[in-house]
Amino acid sequence: MTFLSYAYRILSNFVFLGLVYFSLNFLEKYEQRATVAILMLVYAAMHAFSALRSFYFFQRVERLEGETRRLASATGEGPNAAASRKQIIGDVTVLRHAGEIKAYIDLFFLALVILLCIAKIVTN
């Protein structure tokens, strides 16, 4: 299921990149093309900023995972509690890692969109 979510993220970002490419290529006037490119740059910058903020969030979650492991080892409540905590911590670790990979995928395609927009603004 994780690989399907990665494939969906890649496909949706690729479709967005294609829409940006074709919308910029079909506009004849430079002013219209530059306006659309600037709007796409603003959108991509806001989305990239959001993806970069998610890395800060994932870093905090990673720190909480470490603290939870440390506290779980310090309290000896029993084997059932320790096993359920380990399962929860493992699930959170997997979700955090998947979120980081998806953020990297988003940033890659946003960088391509930014390069494409800058190229269309610079060229006449």
PDB file of N, CA and C in Angstrom:
ATOM      1  N   MET A   1       0.818  -1.191   0.000  1.00  0.00           N
ATOM      2  CA  MET A   1       0.000   0.000   0.000  1.00  0.00           C
ATOM      3  C   MET A   1       0.869   1.265   0.000  1.00  0.00           C
ATOM      4  N   THR A   2       2.010   1.152   0.643  1.00  0.00           N
ATOM      5  CA  THR A   2       2.907   2.303   0.697  1.00  0.00           C
ATOM      6  C   THR A   2       3.408   2.660  -0.693  1.00  0.00           C
ATOM      7  N   PHE A   3       3.747   1.652  -1.474  1.00  0.00           N
ATOM      8  CA  PHE A   3       4.242   1.920  -2.820  1.00  0.00           C
ATOM      9  C   PHE A   3       3.145   2.503  -3.712  1.00  0.00           C
ATOM     10  N   LEU A   4       1.905   2.114  -3.482  1.00  0.00           N
ATOM     11  CA  LEU A   4       0.796   2.713  -4.234  1.00  0.00           C
ATOM     12  C   LEU A   4       0.632   4.191  -3.876  1.00  0.00           C
ATOM     13  N   SER A   5       0.835   4.524  -2.615  1.00  0.00           N
ATOM     14  CA  SER A   5       0.737   5.936  -2.238  1.00  0.00           C
ATOM     15  C   SER A   5       1.872   6.747  -2.862  1.00  0.00           C
ATOM     16  N   TYR A   6       3.082   6.142  -2.955  1.00  0.00           N
ATOM     17  CA  TYR A   6       4.185   6.822  -3.634  1.00  0.00           C
ATOM     18  C   TYR A   6       3.878   6.993  -5.126  1.00  0.00           C
ATOM     19  N   ALA A   7       3.346   5.934  -5.730  1.00  0.00           N
ATOM     20  CA  ALA A   7       3.016   6.000  -7.164  1.00  0.00           C
ATOM     21  C   ALA A   7       1.940   7.044  -7.419  1.00  0.00           C
ATOM     22  N   TYR A   8       0.949   7.107  -6.552  1.00  0.00           N
ATOM     23  CA  TYR A   8      -0.096   8.126  -6.704  1.00  0.00           C
ATOM     24  C   TYR A   8       0.487   9.528  -6.571  1.00  0.00           C
ATOM     25  N   ARG A   9       1.377   9.718  -5.609  1.00  0.00           N
ATOM     26  CA  ARG A   9       1.983  11.037  -5.404  1.00  0.00           C
ATOM     27  C   ARG A   9       2.808  11.431  -6.622  1.00  0.00           C
ATOM     28  N   ILE A  10       3.576  10.485  -7.177  1.00  0.00           N
ATOM     29  CA  ILE A  10       4.384  10.765  -8.371  1.00  0.00           C
ATOM     30  C   ILE A  10       3.481  11.070  -9.562  1.00  0.00           C
ATOM     31  N   LEU A  11       2.423  10.275  -9.741  1.00  0.00           N
ATOM     32  CA  LEU A  11       1.518  10.484 -10.866  1.00  0.00           C
ATOM     33  C   LEU A  11       0.802  11.824 -10.776  1.00  0.00           C
ATOM     34  N   SER A  12       0.294  12.173  -9.601  1.00  0.00           N
ATOM     35  CA  SER A  12      -0.415  13.446  -9.467  1.00  0.00           C
ATOM     36  C   SER A  12       0.524  14.634  -9.669  1.00  0.00           C
ATOM     37  N   ASN A  13       1.752  14.546  -9.168  1.00  0.00           N
ATOM     38  CA  ASN A  13       2.711  15.625  -9.388  1.00  0.00           C
ATOM     39  C   ASN A  13       3.138  15.703 -10.850  1.00  0.00           C
ATOM     40  N   PHE A  14       3.254  14.559 -11.507  1.00  0.00           N
ATOM     41  CA  PHE A  14       3.608  14.554 -12.927  1.00  0.00           C
ATOM     42  C   PHE A  14       2.488  15.173 -13.765  1.00  0.00           C
ATOM     43  N   VAL A  15       1.237  14.894 -13.419  1.00  0.00           N
ATOM     44  CA  VAL A  15       0.102  15.504 -14.124  1.00  0.00           C
ATOM     45  C   VAL A  15       0.114  17.015 -13.916  1.00  0.00           C
ATOM     46  N   PHE A  16       0.402  17.460 -12.683  1.00  0.00           N
ATOM     47  CA  PHE A  16       0.497  18.895 -12.424  1.00  0.00           C
ATOM     48  C   PHE A  16       1.623  19.531 -13.241  1.00  0.00           C
ATOM     49  N   LEU A  17       2.773  18.863 -13.308  1.00  0.00           N
ATOM     50  CA  LEU A  17       3.888  19.364 -14.109  1.00  0.00           C
ATOM     51  C   LEU A  17       3.499  19.443 -15.581  1.00  0.00           C
ATOM     52  N   GLY A  18       2.800  18.441 -16.076  1.00  0.00           N
ATOM     53  CA  GLY A  18       2.342  18.460 -17.468  1.00  0.00           C
ATOM     54  C   GLY A  18       1.351  19.584 -17.738  1.00  0.00           C
ATOM     55  N   LEU A  19       0.445  19.828 -16.799  1.00  0.00           N
ATOM     56  CA  LEU A  19      -0.509  20.930 -16.964  1.00  0.00           C
ATOM     57  C   LEU A  19       0.197  22.277 -17.003  1.00  0.00           C
ATOM     58  N   VAL A  20       1.175  22.441 -16.145  1.00  0.00           N
ATOM     59  CA  VAL A  20       1.934  23.692 -16.158  1.00  0.00           C
ATOM     60  C   VAL A  20       2.679  23.839 -17.479  1.00  0.00           C
ATOM     61  N   TYR A  21       3.310  22.771 -17.941  1.00  0.00           N
ATOM     62  CA  TYR A  21       4.068  22.816 -19.186  1.00  0.00           C
ATOM     63  C   TYR A  21       3.173  23.173 -20.371  1.00  0.00           C
ATOM     64  N   PHE A  22       2.047  22.476 -20.501  1.00  0.00           N
ATOM     65  CA  PHE A  22       1.174  22.741 -21.644  1.00  0.00           C
ATOM     66  C   PHE A  22       0.477  24.089 -21.547  1.00  0.00           C
ATOM     67  N   SER A  23       0.116  24.516 -20.347  1.00  0.00           N
ATOM     68  CA  SER A  23      -0.521  25.827 -20.230  1.00  0.00           C
ATOM     69  C   SER A  23       0.459  26.946 -20.576  1.00  0.00           C
ATOM     70  N   LEU A  24       1.717  26.775 -20.217  1.00  0.00           N
ATOM     71  CA  LEU A  24       2.702  27.804 -20.564  1.00  0.00           C
ATOM     72  C   LEU A  24       3.079  27.768 -22.044  1.00  0.00           C
ATOM     73  N   ASN A  25       3.042  26.615 -22.675  1.00  0.00           N
ATOM     74  CA  ASN A  25       3.409  26.519 -24.082  1.00  0.00           C
ATOM     75  C   ASN A  25       2.291  26.955 -25.027  1.00  0.00           C
ATOM     76  N   PHE A  26       1.048  26.847 -24.607  1.00  0.00           N
ATOM     77  CA  PHE A  26      -0.054  27.215 -25.495  1.00  0.00           C
ATOM     78  C   PHE A  26      -0.388  28.700 -25.468  1.00  0.00           C
ATOM     79  N   LEU A  27       0.171  29.438 -24.539  1.00  0.00           N
ATOM     80  CA  LEU A  27      -0.073  30.876 -24.492  1.00  0.00           C
ATOM     81  C   LEU A  27       0.858  31.568 -25.478  1.00  0.00           C
ATOM     82  N   GLU A  28       0.272  32.372 -26.350  1.00  0.00           N
ATOM     83  CA  GLU A  28       1.044  33.032 -27.411  1.00  0.00           C
ATOM     84  C   GLU A  28       1.735  34.301 -26.922  1.00  0.00           C
ATOM     85  N   LYS A  29       1.013  35.134 -26.184  1.00  0.00           N
ATOM     86  CA  LYS A  29       1.582  36.415 -25.761  1.00  0.00           C
ATOM     87  C   LYS A  29       2.492  36.227 -24.554  1.00  0.00           C
ATOM     88  N   TYR A  30       3.593  36.965 -24.587  1.00  0.00           N
ATOM     89  CA  TYR A  30       4.574  36.861 -23.518  1.00  0.00           C
ATOM     90  C   TYR A  30       3.997  37.316 -22.179  1.00  0.00           C
ATOM     91  N   GLU A  31       3.187  38.378 -22.203  1.00  0.00           N
ATOM     92  CA  GLU A  31       2.620  38.918 -20.963  1.00  0.00           C
ATOM     93  C   GLU A  31       1.729  37.892 -20.278  1.00  0.00           C
ATOM     94  N   GLN A  32       0.910  37.191 -21.058  1.00  0.00           N
ATOM     95  CA  GLN A  32       0.038  36.172 -20.475  1.00  0.00           C
ATOM     96  C   GLN A  32       0.860  35.001 -19.939  1.00  0.00           C
ATOM     97  N   ARG A  33       1.854  34.594 -20.704  1.00  0.00           N
ATOM     98  CA  ARG A  33       2.693  33.480 -20.289  1.00  0.00           C
ATOM     99  C   ARG A  33       3.460  33.836 -19.021  1.00  0.00           C
ATOM    100  N   ALA A  34       3.965  35.056 -18.938  1.00  0.00           N
ATOM    101  CA  ALA A  34       4.706  35.486 -17.752  1.00  0.00           C
ATOM    102  C   ALA A  34       3.786  35.573 -16.536  1.00  0.00           C
ATOM    103  N   THR A  35       2.562  36.034 -16.734  1.00  0.00           N
ATOM    104  CA  THR A  35       1.612  36.121 -15.629  1.00  0.00           C
ATOM    105  C   THR A  35       1.273  34.742 -15.080  1.00  0.00           C
ATOM    106  N   VAL A  36       0.998  33.799 -15.977  1.00  0.00           N
ATOM    107  CA  VAL A  36       0.694  32.433 -15.536  1.00  0.00           C
ATOM    108  C   VAL A  36       1.920  31.807 -14.867  1.00  0.00           C
ATOM    109  N   ALA A  37       3.100  32.062 -15.402  1.00  0.00           N
ATOM    110  CA  ALA A  37       4.320  31.516 -14.808  1.00  0.00           C
ATOM    111  C   ALA A  37       4.554  32.077 -13.409  1.00  0.00           C
ATOM    112  N   ILE A  38       4.309  33.359 -13.228  1.00  0.00           N
ATOM    113  CA  ILE A  38       4.487  33.969 -11.907  1.00  0.00           C
ATOM    114  C   ILE A  38       3.469  33.414 -10.923  1.00  0.00           C
ATOM    115  N   LEU A  39       2.242  33.228 -11.364  1.00  0.00           N
ATOM    116  CA  LEU A  39       1.238  32.630 -10.479  1.00  0.00           C
ATOM    117  C   LEU A  39       1.616  31.198 -10.095  1.00  0.00           C
ATOM    118  N   MET A  40       2.135  30.448 -11.040  1.00  0.00           N
ATOM    119  CA  MET A  40       2.582  29.089 -10.731  1.00  0.00           C
ATOM    120  C   MET A  40       3.794  29.107  -9.796  1.00  0.00           C
ATOM    121  N   LEU A  41       4.673  30.085  -9.962  1.00  0.00           N
ATOM    122  CA  LEU A  41       5.816  30.213  -9.053  1.00  0.00           C
ATOM    123  C   LEU A  41       5.354  30.497  -7.629  1.00  0.00           C
ATOM    124  N   VAL A  42       4.362  31.361  -7.486  1.00  0.00           N
ATOM    125  CA  VAL A  42       3.837  31.675  -6.155  1.00  0.00           C
ATOM    126  C   VAL A  42       3.224  30.424  -5.530  1.00  0.00           C
ATOM    127  N   TYR A  43       2.425  29.703  -6.325  1.00  0.00           N
ATOM    128  CA  TYR A  43       1.815  28.467  -5.816  1.00  0.00           C
ATOM    129  C   TYR A  43       2.879  27.450  -5.425  1.00  0.00           C
ATOM    130  N   ALA A  44       3.875  27.266  -6.277  1.00  0.00           N
ATOM    131  CA  ALA A  44       4.932  26.288  -6.002  1.00  0.00           C
ATOM    132  C   ALA A  44       5.741  26.696  -4.774  1.00  0.00           C
ATOM    133  N   ALA A  45       5.988  27.976  -4.613  1.00  0.00           N
ATOM    134  CA  ALA A  45       6.741  28.441  -3.448  1.00  0.00           C
ATOM    135  C   ALA A  45       5.956  28.200  -2.161  1.00  0.00           C
ATOM    136  N   MET A  46       4.647  28.457  -2.180  1.00  0.00           N
ATOM    137  CA  MET A  46       3.837  28.208  -0.989  1.00  0.00           C
ATOM    138  C   MET A  46       3.786  26.719  -0.661  1.00  0.00           C
ATOM    139  N   HIS A  47       3.644  25.894  -1.675  1.00  0.00           N
ATOM    140  CA  HIS A  47       3.589  24.450  -1.474  1.00  0.00           C
ATOM    141  C   HIS A  47       4.946  23.908  -1.003  1.00  0.00           C
ATOM    142  N   ALA A  48       6.034  24.443  -1.532  1.00  0.00           N
ATOM    143  CA  ALA A  48       7.376  24.027  -1.103  1.00  0.00           C
ATOM    144  C   ALA A  48       7.633  24.439   0.346  1.00  0.00           C
ATOM    145  N   PHE A  49       7.182  25.616   0.708  1.00  0.00           N
ATOM    146  CA  PHE A  49       7.329  26.064   2.095  1.00  0.00           C
ATOM    147  C   PHE A  49       6.566  25.137   3.032  1.00  0.00           C
ATOM    148  N   SER A  50       5.392  24.725   2.633  1.00  0.00           N
ATOM    149  CA  SER A  50       4.608  23.782   3.434  1.00  0.00           C
ATOM    150  C   SER A  50       5.320  22.436   3.555  1.00  0.00           C
ATOM    151  N   ALA A  51       5.911  21.958   2.473  1.00  0.00           N
ATOM    152  CA  ALA A  51       6.643  20.691   2.516  1.00  0.00           C
ATOM    153  C   ALA A  51       7.874  20.807   3.417  1.00  0.00           C
ATOM    154  N   LEU A  52       8.549  21.932   3.381  1.00  0.00           N
ATOM    155  CA  LEU A  52       9.717  22.118   4.233  1.00  0.00           C
ATOM    156  C   LEU A  52       9.321  22.204   5.709  1.00  0.00           C
ATOM    157  N   ARG A  53       8.167  22.801   5.991  1.00  0.00           N
ATOM    158  CA  ARG A  53       7.678  22.835   7.368  1.00  0.00           C
ATOM    159  C   ARG A  53       7.333  21.444   7.865  1.00  0.00           C
ATOM    160  N   SER A  54       6.895  20.582   6.965  1.00  0.00           N
ATOM    161  CA  SER A  54       6.573  19.217   7.388  1.00  0.00           C
ATOM    162  C   SER A  54       7.828  18.481   7.865  1.00  0.00           C
ATOM    163  N   PHE A  55       8.998  18.817   7.308  1.00  0.00           N
ATOM    164  CA  PHE A  55      10.231  18.206   7.791  1.00  0.00           C
ATOM    165  C   PHE A  55      10.504  18.600   9.242  1.00  0.00           C
ATOM    166  N   TYR A  56      10.199  19.824   9.605  1.00  0.00           N
ATOM    167  CA  TYR A  56      10.336  20.256  10.994  1.00  0.00           C
ATOM    168  C   TYR A  56       9.404  19.438  11.886  1.00  0.00           C
ATOM    169  N   PHE A  57       8.180  19.226  11.422  1.00  0.00           N
ATOM    170  CA  PHE A  57       7.221  18.408  12.162  1.00  0.00           C
ATOM    171  C   PHE A  57       7.725  16.977  12.307  1.00  0.00           C
ATOM    172  N   PHE A  58       8.242  16.396  11.231  1.00  0.00           N
ATOM    173  CA  PHE A  58       8.747  15.024  11.296  1.00  0.00           C
ATOM    174  C   PHE A  58       9.949  14.919  12.240  1.00  0.00           C
ATOM    175  N   GLN A  59      10.750  15.969  12.306  1.00  0.00           N
ATOM    176  CA  GLN A  59      11.884  15.968  13.220  1.00  0.00           C
ATOM    177  C   GLN A  59      11.393  15.943  14.666  1.00  0.00           C
ATOM    178  N   ARG A  60      10.331  16.687  14.946  1.00  0.00           N
ATOM    179  CA  ARG A  60       9.753  16.687  16.293  1.00  0.00           C
ATOM    180  C   ARG A  60       9.155  15.325  16.632  1.00  0.00           C
ATOM    181  N   VAL A  61       8.504  14.700  15.667  1.00  0.00           N
ATOM    182  CA  VAL A  61       7.934  13.372  15.900  1.00  0.00           C
ATOM    183  C   VAL A  61       9.047  12.372  16.184  1.00  0.00           C
ATOM    184  N   GLU A  62      10.153  12.485  15.468  1.00  0.00           N
ATOM    185  CA  GLU A  62      11.283  11.588  15.700  1.00  0.00           C
ATOM    186  C   GLU A  62      11.836  11.762  17.115  1.00  0.00           C
ATOM    187  N   ARG A  63      11.893  12.993  17.570  1.00  0.00           N
ATOM    188  CA  ARG A  63      12.361  13.243  18.930  1.00  0.00           C
ATOM    189  C   ARG A  63      11.392  12.632  19.954  1.00  0.00           C
ATOM    190  N   LEU A  64      10.102  12.750  19.699  1.00  0.00           N
ATOM    191  CA  LEU A  64       9.115  12.144  20.591  1.00  0.00           C
ATOM    192  C   LEU A  64       9.216  10.618  20.598  1.00  0.00           C
ATOM    193  N   GLU A  65       9.527  10.036  19.446  1.00  0.00           N
ATOM    194  CA  GLU A  65       9.722   8.579  19.394  1.00  0.00           C
ATOM    195  C   GLU A  65      10.864   8.163  20.315  1.00  0.00           C
ATOM    196  N   GLY A  66      11.949   8.888  20.263  1.00  0.00           N
ATOM    197  CA  GLY A  66      13.093   8.576  21.129  1.00  0.00           C
ATOM    198  C   GLY A  66      12.758   8.723  22.606  1.00  0.00           C
ATOM    199  N   GLU A  67      12.040   9.797  22.939  1.00  0.00           N
ATOM    200  CA  GLU A  67      11.645   9.996  24.332  1.00  0.00           C
ATOM    201  C   GLU A  67      10.698   8.898  24.797  1.00  0.00           C
ATOM    202  N   THR A  68       9.784   8.474  23.929  1.00  0.00           N
ATOM    203  CA  THR A  68       8.841   7.423  24.292  1.00  0.00           C
ATOM    204  C   THR A  68       9.572   6.110  24.510  1.00  0.00           C
ATOM    205  N   ARG A  69      10.545   5.818  23.664  1.00  0.00           N
ATOM    206  CA  ARG A  69      11.333   4.593  23.851  1.00  0.00           C
ATOM    207  C   ARG A  69      12.097   4.628  25.170  1.00  0.00           C
ATOM    208  N   ARG A  70      12.651   5.782  25.480  1.00  0.00           N
ATOM    209  CA  ARG A  70      13.421   5.921  26.716  1.00  0.00           C
ATOM    210  C   ARG A  70      12.515   5.766  27.932  1.00  0.00           C
ATOM    211  N   LEU A  71      11.353   6.408  27.900  1.00  0.00           N
ATOM    212  CA  LEU A  71      10.440   6.308  29.035  1.00  0.00           C
ATOM    213  C   LEU A  71       9.833   4.914  29.160  1.00  0.00           C
ATOM    214  N   ALA A  72       9.586   4.267  28.026  1.00  0.00           N
ATOM    215  CA  ALA A  72       9.025   2.915  28.067  1.00  0.00           C
ATOM    216  C   ALA A  72      10.007   1.928  28.663  1.00  0.00           C
ATOM    217  N   SER A  73      11.279   2.127  28.400  1.00  0.00           N
ATOM    218  CA  SER A  73      12.275   1.213  28.975  1.00  0.00           C
ATOM    219  C   SER A  73      12.475   1.484  30.466  1.00  0.00           C
ATOM    220  N   ALA A  74      12.244   2.730  30.888  1.00  0.00           N
ATOM    221  CA  ALA A  74      12.430   3.072  32.300  1.00  0.00           C
ATOM    222  C   ALA A  74      11.292   2.532  33.161  1.00  0.00           C
ATOM    223  N   THR A  75      10.074   2.523  32.640  1.00  0.00           N
ATOM    224  CA  THR A  75       8.942   2.000  33.406  1.00  0.00           C
ATOM    225  C   THR A  75       8.729   0.542  33.057  1.00  0.00           C
ATOM    226  N   GLY A  76       8.759  -0.286  34.050  1.00  0.00           N
ATOM    227  CA  GLY A  76       8.596  -1.717  33.816  1.00  0.00           C
ATOM    228  C   GLY A  76       7.177  -2.144  34.131  1.00  0.00           C
ATOM    229  N   GLU A  77       6.225  -1.859  33.235  1.00  0.00           N
ATOM    230  CA  GLU A  77       4.827  -2.169  33.504  1.00  0.00           C
ATOM    231  C   GLU A  77       4.454  -3.602  33.177  1.00  0.00           C
ATOM    232  N   GLY A  78       5.170  -4.246  32.342  1.00  0.00           N
ATOM    233  CA  GLY A  78       4.835  -5.615  31.998  1.00  0.00           C
ATOM    234  C   GLY A  78       5.081  -5.890  30.539  1.00  0.00           C
ATOM    235  N   PRO A  79       5.054  -7.157  30.151  1.00  0.00           N
ATOM    236  CA  PRO A  79       5.361  -7.490  28.756  1.00  0.00           C
ATOM    237  C   PRO A  79       4.282  -7.064  27.768  1.00  0.00           C
ATOM    238  N   ASN A  80       3.006  -7.063  28.182  1.00  0.00           N
ATOM    239  CA  ASN A  80       1.938  -6.669  27.249  1.00  0.00           C
ATOM    240  C   ASN A  80       1.993  -5.179  26.935  1.00  0.00           C
ATOM    241  N   ALA A  81       2.235  -4.362  27.951  1.00  0.00           N
ATOM    242  CA  ALA A  81       2.318  -2.918  27.735  1.00  0.00           C
ATOM    243  C   ALA A  81       3.534  -2.568  26.883  1.00  0.00           C
ATOM    244  N   ALA A  82       4.640  -3.244  27.139  1.00  0.00           N
ATOM    245  CA  ALA A  82       5.854  -2.964  26.364  1.00  0.00           C
ATOM    246  C   ALA A  82       5.676  -3.373  24.909  1.00  0.00           C
ATOM    247  N   ALA A  83       5.015  -4.497  24.667  1.00  0.00           N
ATOM    248  CA  ALA A  83       4.795  -4.946  23.290  1.00  0.00           C
ATOM    249  C   ALA A  83       3.867  -3.997  22.535  1.00  0.00           C
ATOM    250  N   SER A  84       2.819  -3.517  23.201  1.00  0.00           N
ATOM    251  CA  SER A  84       1.901  -2.593  22.507  1.00  0.00           C
ATOM    252  C   SER A  84       2.579  -1.258  22.238  1.00  0.00           C
ATOM    253  N   ARG A  85       3.418  -0.802  23.176  1.00  0.00           N
ATOM    254  CA  ARG A  85       4.148   0.448  22.937  1.00  0.00           C
ATOM    255  C   ARG A  85       5.121   0.304  21.777  1.00  0.00           C
ATOM    256  N   LYS A  86       5.808  -0.826  21.724  1.00  0.00           N
ATOM    257  CA  LYS A  86       6.744  -1.054  20.615  1.00  0.00           C
ATOM    258  C   LYS A  86       6.008  -1.077  19.285  1.00  0.00           C
ATOM    259  N   GLN A  87       4.825  -1.658  19.261  1.00  0.00           N
ATOM    260  CA  GLN A  87       4.024  -1.695  18.030  1.00  0.00           C
ATOM    261  C   GLN A  87       3.601  -0.294  17.616  1.00  0.00           C
ATOM    262  N   ILE A  88       3.161   0.501  18.586  1.00  0.00           N
ATOM    263  CA  ILE A  88       2.735   1.872  18.289  1.00  0.00           C
ATOM    264  C   ILE A  88       3.916   2.695  17.805  1.00  0.00           C
ATOM    265  N   ILE A  89       5.048   2.579  18.466  1.00  0.00           N
ATOM    266  CA  ILE A  89       6.240   3.333  18.068  1.00  0.00           C
ATOM    267  C   ILE A  89       6.683   2.906  16.669  1.00  0.00           C
ATOM    268  N   GLY A  90       6.626   1.617  16.387  1.00  0.00           N
ATOM    269  CA  GLY A  90       6.982   1.130  15.049  1.00  0.00           C
ATOM    270  C   GLY A  90       6.043   1.671  13.974  1.00  0.00           C
ATOM    271  N   ASP A  91       4.745   1.713  14.276  1.00  0.00           N
ATOM    272  CA  ASP A  91       3.781   2.257  13.311  1.00  0.00           C
ATOM    273  C   ASP A  91       4.019   3.740  13.055  1.00  0.00           C
ATOM    274  N   VAL A  92       4.308   4.480  14.113  1.00  0.00           N
ATOM    275  CA  VAL A  92       4.586   5.915  13.954  1.00  0.00           C
ATOM    276  C   VAL A  92       5.851   6.130  13.138  1.00  0.00           C
ATOM    277  N   THR A  93       6.850   5.298  13.361  1.00  0.00           N
ATOM    278  CA  THR A  93       8.102   5.399  12.610  1.00  0.00           C
ATOM    279  C   THR A  93       7.866   5.163  11.123  1.00  0.00           C
ATOM    280  N   VAL A  94       7.068   4.149  10.801  1.00  0.00           N
ATOM    281  CA  VAL A  94       6.764   3.854   9.395  1.00  0.00           C
ATOM    282  C   VAL A  94       5.999   5.007   8.757  1.00  0.00           C
ATOM    283  N   LEU A  95       5.008   5.553   9.461  1.00  0.00           N
ATOM    284  CA  LEU A  95       4.224   6.673   8.915  1.00  0.00           C
ATOM    285  C   LEU A  95       5.082   7.923   8.738  1.00  0.00           C
ATOM    286  N   ARG A  96       5.975   8.175   9.696  1.00  0.00           N
ATOM    287  CA  ARG A  96       6.856   9.341   9.575  1.00  0.00           C
ATOM    288  C   ARG A  96       7.781   9.204   8.378  1.00  0.00           C
ATOM    289  N   HIS A  97       8.334   8.033   8.197  1.00  0.00           N
ATOM    290  CA  HIS A  97       9.232   7.802   7.062  1.00  0.00           C
ATOM    291  C   HIS A  97       8.486   7.953   5.734  1.00  0.00           C
ATOM    292  N   ALA A  98       7.287   7.419   5.643  1.00  0.00           N
ATOM    293  CA  ALA A  98       6.496   7.554   4.415  1.00  0.00           C
ATOM    294  C   ALA A  98       6.159   9.021   4.143  1.00  0.00           C
ATOM    295  N   GLY A  99       5.855   9.767   5.193  1.00  0.00           N
ATOM    296  CA  GLY A  99       5.585  11.194   5.016  1.00  0.00           C
ATOM    297  C   GLY A  99       6.797  11.955   4.523  1.00  0.00           C
ATOM    298  N   GLU A 100       7.971  11.590   5.021  1.00  0.00           N
ATOM    299  CA  GLU A 100       9.193  12.240   4.555  1.00  0.00           C
ATOM    300  C   GLU A 100       9.456  11.937   3.085  1.00  0.00           C
ATOM    301  N   ILE A 101       9.258  10.701   2.668  1.00  0.00           N
ATOM    302  CA  ILE A 101       9.466  10.339   1.264  1.00  0.00           C
ATOM    303  C   ILE A 101       8.494  11.106   0.372  1.00  0.00           C
ATOM    304  N   LYS A 102       7.242  11.211   0.791  1.00  0.00           N
ATOM    305  CA  LYS A 102       6.253  11.952   0.001  1.00  0.00           C
ATOM    306  C   LYS A 102       6.615  13.429  -0.086  1.00  0.00           C
ATOM    307  N   ALA A 103       7.149  13.989   0.995  1.00  0.00           N
ATOM    308  CA  ALA A 103       7.574  15.389   0.957  1.00  0.00           C
ATOM    309  C   ALA A 103       8.749  15.576  -0.002  1.00  0.00           C
ATOM    310  N   TYR A 104       9.675  14.613  -0.045  1.00  0.00           N
ATOM    311  CA  TYR A 104      10.781  14.684  -1.001  1.00  0.00           C
ATOM    312  C   TYR A 104      10.271  14.612  -2.440  1.00  0.00           C
ATOM    313  N   ILE A 105       9.292  13.760  -2.684  1.00  0.00           N
ATOM    314  CA  ILE A 105       8.708  13.653  -4.026  1.00  0.00           C
ATOM    315  C   ILE A 105       8.073  14.976  -4.419  1.00  0.00           C
ATOM    316  N   ASP A 106       7.310  15.576  -3.493  1.00  0.00           N
ATOM    317  CA  ASP A 106       6.688  16.864  -3.773  1.00  0.00           C
ATOM    318  C   ASP A 106       7.728  17.933  -4.078  1.00  0.00           C
ATOM    319  N   LEU A 107       8.768  17.982  -3.274  1.00  0.00           N
ATOM    320  CA  LEU A 107       9.807  18.998  -3.491  1.00  0.00           C
ATOM    321  C   LEU A 107      10.517  18.822  -4.828  1.00  0.00           C
ATOM    322  N   PHE A 108      10.735  17.590  -5.242  1.00  0.00           N
ATOM    323  CA  PHE A 108      11.372  17.340  -6.534  1.00  0.00           C
ATOM    324  C   PHE A 108      10.517  17.897  -7.673  1.00  0.00           C
ATOM    325  N   PHE A 109       9.236  17.569  -7.681  1.00  0.00           N
ATOM    326  CA  PHE A 109       8.385  18.054  -8.756  1.00  0.00           C
ATOM    327  C   PHE A 109       8.150  19.560  -8.668  1.00  0.00           C
ATOM    328  N   LEU A 110       8.098  20.108  -7.472  1.00  0.00           N
ATOM    329  CA  LEU A 110       7.966  21.561  -7.350  1.00  0.00           C
ATOM    330  C   LEU A 110       9.216  22.266  -7.868  1.00  0.00           C
ATOM    331  N   ALA A 111      10.371  21.679  -7.656  1.00  0.00           N
ATOM    332  CA  ALA A 111      11.597  22.258  -8.214  1.00  0.00           C
ATOM    333  C   ALA A 111      11.554  22.240  -9.735  1.00  0.00           C
ATOM    334  N   LEU A 112      11.024  21.163 -10.316  1.00  0.00           N
ATOM    335  CA  LEU A 112      10.874  21.112 -11.776  1.00  0.00           C
ATOM    336  C   LEU A 112       9.895  22.174 -12.269  1.00  0.00           C
ATOM    337  N   VAL A 113       8.804  22.367 -11.545  1.00  0.00           N
ATOM    338  CA  VAL A 113       7.828  23.399 -11.921  1.00  0.00           C
ATOM    339  C   VAL A 113       8.472  24.777 -11.836  1.00  0.00           C
ATOM    340  N   ILE A 114       9.240  25.023 -10.802  1.00  0.00           N
ATOM    341  CA  ILE A 114       9.901  26.316 -10.643  1.00  0.00           C
ATOM    342  C   ILE A 114      10.893  26.552 -11.776  1.00  0.00           C
ATOM    343  N   LEU A 115      11.678  25.537 -12.118  1.00  0.00           N
ATOM    344  CA  LEU A 115      12.625  25.681 -13.232  1.00  0.00           C
ATOM    345  C   LEU A 115      11.904  25.946 -14.551  1.00  0.00           C
ATOM    346  N   LEU A 116      10.806  25.258 -14.766  1.00  0.00           N
ATOM    347  CA  LEU A 116      10.032  25.454 -16.000  1.00  0.00           C
ATOM    348  C   LEU A 116       9.452  26.856 -16.061  1.00  0.00           C
ATOM    349  N   CYS A 117       8.926  27.336 -14.953  1.00  0.00           N
ATOM    350  CA  CYS A 117       8.356  28.682 -14.929  1.00  0.00           C
ATOM    351  C   CYS A 117       9.413  29.750 -15.143  1.00  0.00           C
ATOM    352  N   ILE A 118      10.554  29.586 -14.513  1.00  0.00           N
ATOM    353  CA  ILE A 118      11.636  30.552 -14.703  1.00  0.00           C
ATOM    354  C   ILE A 118      12.139  30.548 -16.135  1.00  0.00           C
ATOM    355  N   ALA A 119      12.216  29.367 -16.729  1.00  0.00           N
ATOM    356  CA  ALA A 119      12.638  29.272 -18.132  1.00  0.00           C
ATOM    357  C   ALA A 119      11.647  29.974 -19.049  1.00  0.00           C
ATOM    358  N   LYS A 120      10.352  29.852 -18.779  1.00  0.00           N
ATOM    359  CA  LYS A 120       9.350  30.501 -19.624  1.00  0.00           C
ATOM    360  C   LYS A 120       9.307  32.005 -19.406  1.00  0.00           C
ATOM    361  N   ILE A 121       9.672  32.474 -18.214  1.00  0.00           N
ATOM    362  CA  ILE A 121       9.718  33.908 -17.984  1.00  0.00           C
ATOM    363  C   ILE A 121      10.937  34.516 -18.667  1.00  0.00           C
ATOM    364  N   VAL A 122      12.059  33.827 -18.595  1.00  0.00           N
ATOM    365  CA  VAL A 122      13.310  34.356 -19.129  1.00  0.00           C
ATOM    366  C   VAL A 122      13.302  34.350 -20.660  1.00  0.00           C
ATOM    367  N   THR A 123      12.785  33.267 -21.263  1.00  0.00           N
ATOM    368  CA  THR A 123      12.776  33.202 -22.726  1.00  0.00           C
ATOM    369  C   THR A 123      11.635  34.030 -23.280  1.00  0.00           C
ATOM    370  N   ASN A 124      11.841  34.557 -24.453  1.00  0.00           N
ATOM    371  CA  ASN A 124      10.817  35.397 -25.076  1.00  0.00           C
ATOM    372  C   ASN A 124      10.115  34.703 -26.106  1.00  0.00           C
TER     373      ASN A 124
END
